[in-house]
């Protein structure tokens, strides 16, 4: 059985980052997922 839904991979590179703001990452990933859903639905 083949899954007809597309899959996506996300790579985040953060050179010299002192810390990771996971809340900000979550906001960005949520926005990206929303955009992918809109484009995929057409």
C-alpha atoms as a PDB file:
ATOM      1  CA  UNK A   1       0.000   0.000   0.000  1.00  0.00           C
ATOM      2  CA  UNK A   2       1.363   3.407  -1.003  1.00  0.00           C
ATOM      3  CA  UNK A   3       0.622   6.465   1.127  1.00  0.00           C
ATOM      4  CA  UNK A   4      -0.667   9.189  -1.192  1.00  0.00           C
ATOM      5  CA  UNK A   5       0.060  11.981   1.259  1.00  0.00           C
ATOM      6  CA  UNK A   6       3.352  13.776   0.649  1.00  0.00           C
ATOM      7  CA  UNK A   7       5.999  13.815   3.339  1.00  0.00           C
ATOM      8  CA  UNK A   8       8.391  16.639   4.119  1.00  0.00           C
ATOM      9  CA  UNK A   9      11.727  16.884   5.884  1.00  0.00           C
ATOM     10  CA  UNK A  10      12.985  20.022   7.571  1.00  0.00           C
ATOM     11  CA  UNK A  11      16.632  20.682   8.344  1.00  0.00           C
ATOM     12  CA  UNK A  12      17.511  23.559  10.639  1.00  0.00           C
ATOM     13  CA  UNK A  13      21.116  24.715  10.734  1.00  0.00           C
ATOM     14  CA  UNK A  14      22.061  26.995  13.593  1.00  0.00           C
ATOM     15  CA  UNK A  15      25.761  27.740  13.525  1.00  0.00           C
ATOM     16  CA  UNK A  16      27.121  29.384  16.656  1.00  0.00           C
ATOM     17  CA  UNK A  17      23.711  29.432  18.347  1.00  0.00           C
ATOM     18  CA  UNK A  18      24.001  30.078  22.063  1.00  0.00           C
ATOM     19  CA  UNK A  19      20.531  28.620  22.671  1.00  0.00           C
ATOM     20  CA  UNK A  20      17.490  27.403  20.770  1.00  0.00           C
ATOM     21  CA  UNK A  21      14.248  29.293  21.285  1.00  0.00           C
ATOM     22  CA  UNK A  22      11.880  26.335  20.984  1.00  0.00           C
ATOM     23  CA  UNK A  23       8.798  28.552  21.264  1.00  0.00           C
ATOM     24  CA  UNK A  24       9.954  30.563  18.250  1.00  0.00           C
ATOM     25  CA  UNK A  25      10.782  27.355  16.377  1.00  0.00           C
ATOM     26  CA  UNK A  26       7.264  26.106  17.104  1.00  0.00           C
ATOM     27  CA  UNK A  27       5.707  29.289  15.756  1.00  0.00           C
ATOM     28  CA  UNK A  28       7.767  29.055  12.580  1.00  0.00           C
ATOM     29  CA  UNK A  29       7.038  25.374  12.021  1.00  0.00           C
ATOM     30  CA  UNK A  30       3.325  25.910  12.609  1.00  0.00           C
ATOM     31  CA  UNK A  31       3.289  28.703  10.027  1.00  0.00           C
ATOM     32  CA  UNK A  32       5.216  26.523   7.572  1.00  0.00           C
ATOM     33  CA  UNK A  33       2.793  23.622   8.094  1.00  0.00           C
ATOM     34  CA  UNK A  34      -0.133  25.965   7.475  1.00  0.00           C
ATOM     35  CA  UNK A  35       1.414  27.171   4.201  1.00  0.00           C
ATOM     36  CA  UNK A  36       2.148  23.610   3.068  1.00  0.00           C
ATOM     37  CA  UNK A  37      -1.454  22.620   3.805  1.00  0.00           C
ATOM     38  CA  UNK A  38      -2.772  25.530   1.736  1.00  0.00           C
ATOM     39  CA  UNK A  39      -0.545  24.750  -1.247  1.00  0.00           C
ATOM     40  CA  UNK A  40      -1.207  21.008  -1.020  1.00  0.00           C
ATOM     41  CA  UNK A  41      -4.971  21.475  -1.043  1.00  0.00           C
ATOM     42  CA  UNK A  42      -5.027  23.057  -4.507  1.00  0.00           C
END
